[in-house]
């Protein structure tokens, strides 16, 4: 799991994310927001980026792609249209 902190939330009405997993499964989640985050890599360097914030499958909390180590790819979509990830 990657260490990160959320700096700002941006509304994401009409957006969703499709997650691809190592085992070939896929999940689609509606986004509740886009999150400007700071994350740290394996060398201790911090980076800023924008990622989707979505409800976890069990409904217990919200998460980003960095909260699940099995994610191997993702695609953001706005109203069903693919966008660059």
PDB file of N, CA and C in Angstrom:
ATOM      1  N   UNK A   1       0.845  -1.176   0.000  1.00  0.00           N
ATOM      2  CA  UNK A   1       0.000   0.000   0.000  1.00  0.00           C
ATOM      3  C   UNK A   1       0.890   1.240   0.000  1.00  0.00           C
ATOM      4  N   UNK A   2       0.447   2.265  -0.682  1.00  0.00           N
ATOM      5  CA  UNK A   2       1.200   3.512  -0.818  1.00  0.00           C
ATOM      6  C   UNK A   2       0.718   4.515   0.221  1.00  0.00           C
ATOM      7  N   UNK A   3       1.666   5.199   0.863  1.00  0.00           N
ATOM      8  CA  UNK A   3       1.297   6.250   1.811  1.00  0.00           C
ATOM      9  C   UNK A   3       0.936   7.506   1.031  1.00  0.00           C
ATOM     10  N   UNK A   4      -0.218   8.089   1.364  1.00  0.00           N
ATOM     11  CA  UNK A   4      -0.629   9.329   0.709  1.00  0.00           C
ATOM     12  C   UNK A   4      -1.493  10.131   1.651  1.00  0.00           C
ATOM     13  N   UNK A   5      -1.643  11.419   1.326  1.00  0.00           N
ATOM     14  CA  UNK A   5      -2.564  12.271   2.082  1.00  0.00           C
ATOM     15  C   UNK A   5      -3.352  13.117   1.088  1.00  0.00           C
ATOM     16  N   UNK A   6      -4.631  13.305   1.398  1.00  0.00           N
ATOM     17  CA  UNK A   6      -5.510  14.087   0.534  1.00  0.00           C
ATOM     18  C   UNK A   6      -5.351  15.564   0.876  1.00  0.00           C
ATOM     19  N   UNK A   7      -5.093  16.372  -0.149  1.00  0.00           N
ATOM     20  CA  UNK A   7      -4.932  17.813   0.038  1.00  0.00           C
ATOM     21  C   UNK A   7      -6.204  18.579  -0.290  1.00  0.00           C
ATOM     22  N   UNK A   8      -6.921  18.121  -1.324  1.00  0.00           N
ATOM     23  CA  UNK A   8      -8.117  18.840  -1.769  1.00  0.00           C
ATOM     24  C   UNK A   8      -9.033  17.872  -2.495  1.00  0.00           C
ATOM     25  N   UNK A   9     -10.347  18.072  -2.336  1.00  0.00           N
ATOM     26  CA  UNK A   9     -11.343  17.285  -3.063  1.00  0.00           C
ATOM     27  C   UNK A   9     -12.009  18.162  -4.116  1.00  0.00           C
ATOM     28  N   UNK A  10     -12.195  17.595  -5.312  1.00  0.00           N
ATOM     29  CA  UNK A  10     -12.797  18.299  -6.440  1.00  0.00           C
ATOM     30  C   UNK A  10     -14.021  17.504  -6.867  1.00  0.00           C
ATOM     31  N   UNK A  11     -15.205  18.105  -7.021  1.00  0.00           N
ATOM     32  CA  UNK A  11     -16.400  17.349  -7.421  1.00  0.00           C
ATOM     33  C   UNK A  11     -16.155  16.550  -8.707  1.00  0.00           C
ATOM     34  N   UNK A  12     -16.749  15.358  -8.785  1.00  0.00           N
ATOM     35  CA  UNK A  12     -16.557  14.475  -9.945  1.00  0.00           C
ATOM     36  C   UNK A  12     -17.896  13.944 -10.451  1.00  0.00           C
ATOM     37  N   UNK A  13     -18.884  14.802 -10.546  1.00  0.00           N
ATOM     38  CA  UNK A  13     -20.211  14.399 -11.003  1.00  0.00           C
ATOM     39  C   UNK A  13     -20.123  13.787 -12.397  1.00  0.00           C
ATOM     40  N   UNK A  14     -20.689  12.589 -12.565  1.00  0.00           N
ATOM     41  CA  UNK A  14     -20.712  11.926 -13.860  1.00  0.00           C
ATOM     42  C   UNK A  14     -19.467  11.116 -14.195  1.00  0.00           C
ATOM     43  N   UNK A  15     -18.501  11.058 -13.301  1.00  0.00           N
ATOM     44  CA  UNK A  15     -17.266  10.309 -13.543  1.00  0.00           C
ATOM     45  C   UNK A  15     -17.319   8.947 -12.866  1.00  0.00           C
ATOM     46  N   UNK A  16     -16.594   7.980 -13.448  1.00  0.00           N
ATOM     47  CA  UNK A  16     -16.436   6.656 -12.846  1.00  0.00           C
ATOM     48  C   UNK A  16     -15.031   6.157 -13.157  1.00  0.00           C
ATOM     49  N   UNK A  17     -14.607   5.135 -12.413  1.00  0.00           N
ATOM     50  CA  UNK A  17     -13.300   4.528 -12.647  1.00  0.00           C
ATOM     51  C   UNK A  17     -13.493   3.026 -12.815  1.00  0.00           C
ATOM     52  N   UNK A  18     -12.828   2.452 -13.817  1.00  0.00           N
ATOM     53  CA  UNK A  18     -12.802   1.002 -13.999  1.00  0.00           C
ATOM     54  C   UNK A  18     -11.434   0.519 -13.539  1.00  0.00           C
ATOM     55  N   UNK A  19     -11.427  -0.352 -12.525  1.00  0.00           N
ATOM     56  CA  UNK A  19     -10.188  -0.901 -11.989  1.00  0.00           C
ATOM     57  C   UNK A  19      -9.952  -2.280 -12.583  1.00  0.00           C
ATOM     58  N   UNK A  20      -8.733  -2.555 -13.018  1.00  0.00           N
ATOM     59  CA  UNK A  20      -8.324  -3.880 -13.481  1.00  0.00           C
ATOM     60  C   UNK A  20      -7.420  -4.477 -12.413  1.00  0.00           C
ATOM     61  N   UNK A  21      -7.610  -5.780 -12.131  1.00  0.00           N
ATOM     62  CA  UNK A  21      -6.849  -6.443 -11.082  1.00  0.00           C
ATOM     63  C   UNK A  21      -5.903  -7.487 -11.661  1.00  0.00           C
ATOM     64  N   UNK A  22      -4.904  -7.882 -10.875  1.00  0.00           N
ATOM     65  CA  UNK A  22      -3.902  -8.862 -11.292  1.00  0.00           C
ATOM     66  C   UNK A  22      -4.517 -10.161 -11.785  1.00  0.00           C
ATOM     67  N   UNK A  23      -5.669 -10.554 -11.230  1.00  0.00           N
ATOM     68  CA  UNK A  23      -6.299 -11.829 -11.599  1.00  0.00           C
ATOM     69  C   UNK A  23      -7.203 -11.715 -12.828  1.00  0.00           C
ATOM     70  N   UNK A  24      -7.246 -10.545 -13.479  1.00  0.00           N
ATOM     71  CA  UNK A  24      -8.050 -10.352 -14.681  1.00  0.00           C
ATOM     72  C   UNK A  24      -9.444  -9.802 -14.430  1.00  0.00           C
ATOM     73  N   UNK A  25      -9.866  -9.721 -13.178  1.00  0.00           N
ATOM     74  CA  UNK A  25     -11.189  -9.172 -12.841  1.00  0.00           C
ATOM     75  C   UNK A  25     -11.181  -7.653 -13.027  1.00  0.00           C
ATOM     76  N   UNK A  26     -12.383  -7.101 -13.222  1.00  0.00           N
ATOM     77  CA  UNK A  26     -12.547  -5.652 -13.347  1.00  0.00           C
ATOM     78  C   UNK A  26     -13.715  -5.204 -12.484  1.00  0.00           C
ATOM     79  N   UNK A  27     -13.631  -3.992 -11.962  1.00  0.00           N
ATOM     80  CA  UNK A  27     -14.707  -3.378 -11.185  1.00  0.00           C
ATOM     81  C   UNK A  27     -14.885  -1.943 -11.667  1.00  0.00           C
ATOM     82  N   UNK A  28     -16.143  -1.496 -11.706  1.00  0.00           N
ATOM     83  CA  UNK A  28     -16.432  -0.101 -12.035  1.00  0.00           C
ATOM     84  C   UNK A  28     -17.037   0.561 -10.801  1.00  0.00           C
ATOM     85  N   UNK A  29     -16.494   1.717 -10.436  1.00  0.00           N
ATOM     86  CA  UNK A  29     -16.964   2.466  -9.271  1.00  0.00           C
ATOM     87  C   UNK A  29     -17.314   3.887  -9.702  1.00  0.00           C
ATOM     88  N   UNK A  30     -18.469   4.413  -9.265  1.00  0.00           N
ATOM     89  CA  UNK A  30     -18.740   5.835  -9.502  1.00  0.00           C
ATOM     90  C   UNK A  30     -17.827   6.665  -8.599  1.00  0.00           C
ATOM     91  N   UNK A  31     -17.323   7.758  -9.108  1.00  0.00           N
ATOM     92  CA  UNK A  31     -16.457   8.618  -8.296  1.00  0.00           C
ATOM     93  C   UNK A  31     -17.298   9.599  -7.498  1.00  0.00           C
ATOM     94  N   UNK A  32     -16.900   9.812  -6.250  1.00  0.00           N
ATOM     95  CA  UNK A  32     -17.551  10.844  -5.454  1.00  0.00           C
ATOM     96  C   UNK A  32     -16.783  12.152  -5.550  1.00  0.00           C
ATOM     97  N   UNK A  33     -15.505  12.045  -5.923  1.00  0.00           N
ATOM     98  CA  UNK A  33     -14.667  13.235  -6.072  1.00  0.00           C
ATOM     99  C   UNK A  33     -13.363  12.845  -6.743  1.00  0.00           C
ATOM    100  N   UNK A  34     -12.678  13.852  -7.250  1.00  0.00           N
ATOM    101  CA  UNK A  34     -11.282  13.695  -7.639  1.00  0.00           C
ATOM    102  C   UNK A  34     -10.493  14.271  -6.473  1.00  0.00           C
ATOM    103  N   UNK A  35      -9.424  13.605  -6.098  1.00  0.00           N
ATOM    104  CA  UNK A  35      -8.645  14.032  -4.943  1.00  0.00           C
ATOM    105  C   UNK A  35      -7.244  14.443  -5.377  1.00  0.00           C
ATOM    106  N   UNK A  36      -6.844  15.654  -5.016  1.00  0.00           N
ATOM    107  CA  UNK A  36      -5.455  16.061  -5.169  1.00  0.00           C
ATOM    108  C   UNK A  36      -4.725  15.470  -3.975  1.00  0.00           C
ATOM    109  N   UNK A  37      -3.747  14.602  -4.247  1.00  0.00           N
ATOM    110  CA  UNK A  37      -3.045  13.927  -3.155  1.00  0.00           C
ATOM    111  C   UNK A  37      -1.551  14.186  -3.239  1.00  0.00           C
ATOM    112  N   UNK A  38      -0.879  13.961  -2.121  1.00  0.00           N
ATOM    113  CA  UNK A  38       0.567  13.829  -2.081  1.00  0.00           C
ATOM    114  C   UNK A  38       0.834  12.388  -1.683  1.00  0.00           C
ATOM    115  N   UNK A  39       1.735  11.718  -2.423  1.00  0.00           N
ATOM    116  CA  UNK A  39       2.074  10.339  -2.091  1.00  0.00           C
ATOM    117  C   UNK A  39       3.584  10.193  -2.032  1.00  0.00           C
ATOM    118  N   UNK A  40       4.034   9.217  -1.272  1.00  0.00           N
ATOM    119  CA  UNK A  40       5.464   8.968  -1.121  1.00  0.00           C
ATOM    120  C   UNK A  40       5.810   7.676  -1.857  1.00  0.00           C
ATOM    121  N   UNK A  41       6.949   7.663  -2.563  1.00  0.00           N
ATOM    122  CA  UNK A  41       7.359   6.444  -3.260  1.00  0.00           C
ATOM    123  C   UNK A  41       8.303   5.628  -2.374  1.00  0.00           C
ATOM    124  N   UNK A  42       8.822   4.541  -2.928  1.00  0.00           N
ATOM    125  CA  UNK A  42       9.697   3.640  -2.166  1.00  0.00           C
ATOM    126  C   UNK A  42      11.007   4.300  -1.726  1.00  0.00           C
ATOM    127  N   UNK A  43      11.376   5.413  -2.351  1.00  0.00           N
ATOM    128  CA  UNK A  43      12.622   6.099  -2.022  1.00  0.00           C
ATOM    129  C   UNK A  43      12.410   7.285  -1.090  1.00  0.00           C
ATOM    130  N   UNK A  44      11.172   7.496  -0.662  1.00  0.00           N
ATOM    131  CA  UNK A  44      10.877   8.592   0.250  1.00  0.00           C
ATOM    132  C   UNK A  44      10.593   9.920  -0.425  1.00  0.00           C
ATOM    133  N   UNK A  45      10.485   9.921  -1.761  1.00  0.00           N
ATOM    134  CA  UNK A  45      10.173  11.149  -2.491  1.00  0.00           C
ATOM    135  C   UNK A  45       8.664  11.348  -2.556  1.00  0.00           C
ATOM    136  N   UNK A  46       8.217  12.608  -2.394  1.00  0.00           N
ATOM    137  CA  UNK A  46       6.791  12.932  -2.433  1.00  0.00           C
ATOM    138  C   UNK A  46       6.400  13.456  -3.804  1.00  0.00           C
ATOM    139  N   UNK A  47       5.216  13.053  -4.261  1.00  0.00           N
ATOM    140  CA  UNK A  47       4.671  13.482  -5.550  1.00  0.00           C
ATOM    141  C   UNK A  47       3.247  13.975  -5.348  1.00  0.00           C
ATOM    142  N   UNK A  48       2.799  14.908  -6.182  1.00  0.00           N
ATOM    143  CA  UNK A  48       1.402  15.354  -6.181  1.00  0.00           C
ATOM    144  C   UNK A  48       0.734  14.834  -7.440  1.00  0.00           C
ATOM    145  N   UNK A  49      -0.491  14.353  -7.300  1.00  0.00           N
ATOM    146  CA  UNK A  49      -1.265  13.902  -8.451  1.00  0.00           C
ATOM    147  C   UNK A  49      -2.747  13.926  -8.105  1.00  0.00           C
ATOM    148  N   UNK A  50      -3.568  13.771  -9.130  1.00  0.00           N
ATOM    149  CA  UNK A  50      -5.014  13.736  -8.949  1.00  0.00           C
ATOM    150  C   UNK A  50      -5.485  12.310  -9.200  1.00  0.00           C
ATOM    151  N   UNK A  51      -6.246  11.763  -8.263  1.00  0.00           N
ATOM    152  CA  UNK A  51      -6.792  10.411  -8.394  1.00  0.00           C
ATOM    153  C   UNK A  51      -8.275  10.433  -8.034  1.00  0.00           C
ATOM    154  N   UNK A  52      -9.003   9.430  -8.510  1.00  0.00           N
ATOM    155  CA  UNK A  52     -10.419   9.320  -8.186  1.00  0.00           C
ATOM    156  C   UNK A  52     -10.639   8.790  -6.781  1.00  0.00           C
ATOM    157  N   UNK A  53     -11.652   9.313  -6.103  1.00  0.00           N
ATOM    158  CA  UNK A  53     -12.051   8.862  -4.771  1.00  0.00           C
ATOM    159  C   UNK A  53     -13.406   8.189  -4.921  1.00  0.00           C
ATOM    160  N   UNK A  54     -13.514   6.926  -4.503  1.00  0.00           N
ATOM    161  CA  UNK A  54     -14.732   6.147  -4.721  1.00  0.00           C
ATOM    162  C   UNK A  54     -15.068   5.324  -3.480  1.00  0.00           C
ATOM    163  N   UNK A  55     -16.343   4.877  -3.346  1.00  0.00           N
ATOM    164  CA  UNK A  55     -16.722   4.040  -2.210  1.00  0.00           C
ATOM    165  C   UNK A  55     -16.064   2.662  -2.325  1.00  0.00           C
ATOM    166  N   UNK A  56     -15.565   2.129  -1.215  1.00  0.00           N
ATOM    167  CA  UNK A  56     -15.023   0.768  -1.196  1.00  0.00           C
ATOM    168  C   UNK A  56     -16.150  -0.231  -1.428  1.00  0.00           C
ATOM    169  N   UNK A  57     -15.813  -1.410  -1.956  1.00  0.00           N
ATOM    170  CA  UNK A  57     -16.814  -2.426  -2.298  1.00  0.00           C
ATOM    171  C   UNK A  57     -17.667  -2.833  -1.097  1.00  0.00           C
ATOM    172  N   UNK A  58     -17.078  -2.858   0.098  1.00  0.00           N
ATOM    173  CA  UNK A  58     -17.835  -3.266   1.284  1.00  0.00           C
ATOM    174  C   UNK A  58     -18.630  -2.117   1.896  1.00  0.00           C
ATOM    175  N   UNK A  59     -18.498  -0.902   1.326  1.00  0.00           N
ATOM    176  CA  UNK A  59     -19.256   0.245   1.808  1.00  0.00           C
ATOM    177  C   UNK A  59     -18.736   0.851   3.095  1.00  0.00           C
ATOM    178  N   UNK A  60     -17.584   0.383   3.576  1.00  0.00           N
ATOM    179  CA  UNK A  60     -17.086   0.830   4.874  1.00  0.00           C
ATOM    180  C   UNK A  60     -16.425   2.206   4.842  1.00  0.00           C
ATOM    181  N   UNK A  61     -15.877   2.592   3.688  1.00  0.00           N
ATOM    182  CA  UNK A  61     -15.158   3.863   3.608  1.00  0.00           C
ATOM    183  C   UNK A  61     -14.952   4.227   2.144  1.00  0.00           C
ATOM    184  N   UNK A  62     -14.181   5.256   1.905  1.00  0.00           N
ATOM    185  CA  UNK A  62     -13.833   5.669   0.554  1.00  0.00           C
ATOM    186  C   UNK A  62     -12.367   5.360   0.320  1.00  0.00           C
ATOM    187  N   UNK A  63     -11.982   5.206  -0.934  1.00  0.00           N
ATOM    188  CA  UNK A  63     -10.596   4.881  -1.210  1.00  0.00           C
ATOM    189  C   UNK A  63     -10.139   5.393  -2.556  1.00  0.00           C
ATOM    190  N   UNK A  64      -8.853   5.193  -2.823  1.00  0.00           N
ATOM    191  CA  UNK A  64      -8.248   5.507  -4.112  1.00  0.00           C
ATOM    192  C   UNK A  64      -7.579   4.245  -4.632  1.00  0.00           C
ATOM    193  N   UNK A  65      -7.038   4.320  -5.826  1.00  0.00           N
ATOM    194  CA  UNK A  65      -6.357   3.184  -6.431  1.00  0.00           C
ATOM    195  C   UNK A  65      -5.197   2.706  -5.547  1.00  0.00           C
ATOM    196  N   UNK A  66      -4.650   3.550  -4.714  1.00  0.00           N
ATOM    197  CA  UNK A  66      -3.525   3.175  -3.859  1.00  0.00           C
ATOM    198  C   UNK A  66      -3.939   2.374  -2.624  1.00  0.00           C
ATOM    199  N   UNK A  67      -5.242   2.215  -2.396  1.00  0.00           N
ATOM    200  CA  UNK A  67      -5.701   1.468  -1.225  1.00  0.00           C
ATOM    201  C   UNK A  67      -5.832  -0.028  -1.487  1.00  0.00           C
ATOM    202  N   UNK A  68      -5.563  -0.498  -2.695  1.00  0.00           N
ATOM    203  CA  UNK A  68      -5.669  -1.919  -3.027  1.00  0.00           C
ATOM    204  C   UNK A  68      -4.447  -2.315  -3.837  1.00  0.00           C
ATOM    205  N   UNK A  69      -3.611  -3.169  -3.273  1.00  0.00           N
ATOM    206  CA  UNK A  69      -2.363  -3.556  -3.932  1.00  0.00           C
ATOM    207  C   UNK A  69      -2.585  -4.461  -5.137  1.00  0.00           C
ATOM    208  N   UNK A  70      -3.794  -4.972  -5.339  1.00  0.00           N
ATOM    209  CA  UNK A  70      -4.068  -5.872  -6.467  1.00  0.00           C
ATOM    210  C   UNK A  70      -4.379  -5.127  -7.760  1.00  0.00           C
ATOM    211  N   UNK A  71      -4.550  -3.814  -7.717  1.00  0.00           N
ATOM    212  CA  UNK A  71      -4.909  -3.042  -8.910  1.00  0.00           C
ATOM    213  C   UNK A  71      -3.718  -2.997  -9.868  1.00  0.00           C
ATOM    214  N   UNK A  72      -3.964  -3.397 -11.121  1.00  0.00           N
ATOM    215  CA  UNK A  72      -2.900  -3.386 -12.128  1.00  0.00           C
ATOM    216  C   UNK A  72      -3.129  -2.325 -13.203  1.00  0.00           C
ATOM    217  N   UNK A  73      -4.329  -1.752 -13.249  1.00  0.00           N
ATOM    218  CA  UNK A  73      -4.615  -0.722 -14.236  1.00  0.00           C
ATOM    219  C   UNK A  73      -5.922  -0.026 -13.928  1.00  0.00           C
ATOM    220  N   UNK A  74      -6.129   1.154 -14.519  1.00  0.00           N
ATOM    221  CA  UNK A  74      -7.375   1.872 -14.307  1.00  0.00           C
ATOM    222  C   UNK A  74      -7.693   2.742 -15.509  1.00  0.00           C
ATOM    223  N   UNK A  75      -8.989   2.994 -15.695  1.00  0.00           N
ATOM    224  CA  UNK A  75      -9.478   3.874 -16.748  1.00  0.00           C
ATOM    225  C   UNK A  75     -10.539   4.774 -16.146  1.00  0.00           C
ATOM    226  N   UNK A  76     -10.387   6.083 -16.304  1.00  0.00           N
ATOM    227  CA  UNK A  76     -11.413   7.028 -15.871  1.00  0.00           C
ATOM    228  C   UNK A  76     -12.363   7.264 -17.032  1.00  0.00           C
ATOM    229  N   UNK A  77     -13.651   7.392 -16.726  1.00  0.00           N
ATOM    230  CA  UNK A  77     -14.660   7.664 -17.751  1.00  0.00           C
ATOM    231  C   UNK A  77     -15.578   8.777 -17.271  1.00  0.00           C
ATOM    232  N   UNK A  78     -15.986   9.617 -18.203  1.00  0.00           N
ATOM    233  CA  UNK A  78     -17.005  10.618 -17.915  1.00  0.00           C
ATOM    234  C   UNK A  78     -18.207  10.296 -18.777  1.00  0.00           C
ATOM    235  N   UNK A  79     -19.320   9.970 -18.120  1.00  0.00           N
ATOM    236  CA  UNK A  79     -20.570   9.605 -18.785  1.00  0.00           C
ATOM    237  C   UNK A  79     -20.329   8.536 -19.844  1.00  0.00           C
ATOM    238  N   UNK A  80     -19.552   7.484 -19.478  1.00  0.00           N
ATOM    239  CA  UNK A  80     -19.335   6.335 -20.341  1.00  0.00           C
ATOM    240  C   UNK A  80     -18.242   6.478 -21.376  1.00  0.00           C
ATOM    241  N   UNK A  81     -17.617   7.648 -21.496  1.00  0.00           N
ATOM    242  CA  UNK A  81     -16.553   7.865 -22.487  1.00  0.00           C
ATOM    243  C   UNK A  81     -15.189   7.659 -21.833  1.00  0.00           C
ATOM    244  N   UNK A  82     -14.309   6.871 -22.459  1.00  0.00           N
ATOM    245  CA  UNK A  82     -12.958   6.660 -21.941  1.00  0.00           C
ATOM    246  C   UNK A  82     -12.154   7.949 -21.998  1.00  0.00           C
ATOM    247  N   UNK A  83     -11.328   8.150 -20.984  1.00  0.00           N
ATOM    248  CA  UNK A  83     -10.415   9.281 -20.953  1.00  0.00           C
ATOM    249  C   UNK A  83      -9.023   8.736 -20.670  1.00  0.00           C
ATOM    250  N   UNK A  84      -7.965   9.450 -21.014  1.00  0.00           N
ATOM    251  CA  UNK A  84      -6.611   8.964 -20.711  1.00  0.00           C
ATOM    252  C   UNK A  84      -6.427   8.787 -19.213  1.00  0.00           C
ATOM    253  N   UNK A  85      -5.762   7.692 -18.780  1.00  0.00           N
ATOM    254  CA  UNK A  85      -5.518   7.469 -17.351  1.00  0.00           C
ATOM    255  C   UNK A  85      -4.143   7.917 -16.952  1.00  0.00           C
TER     256      UNK A  85
END
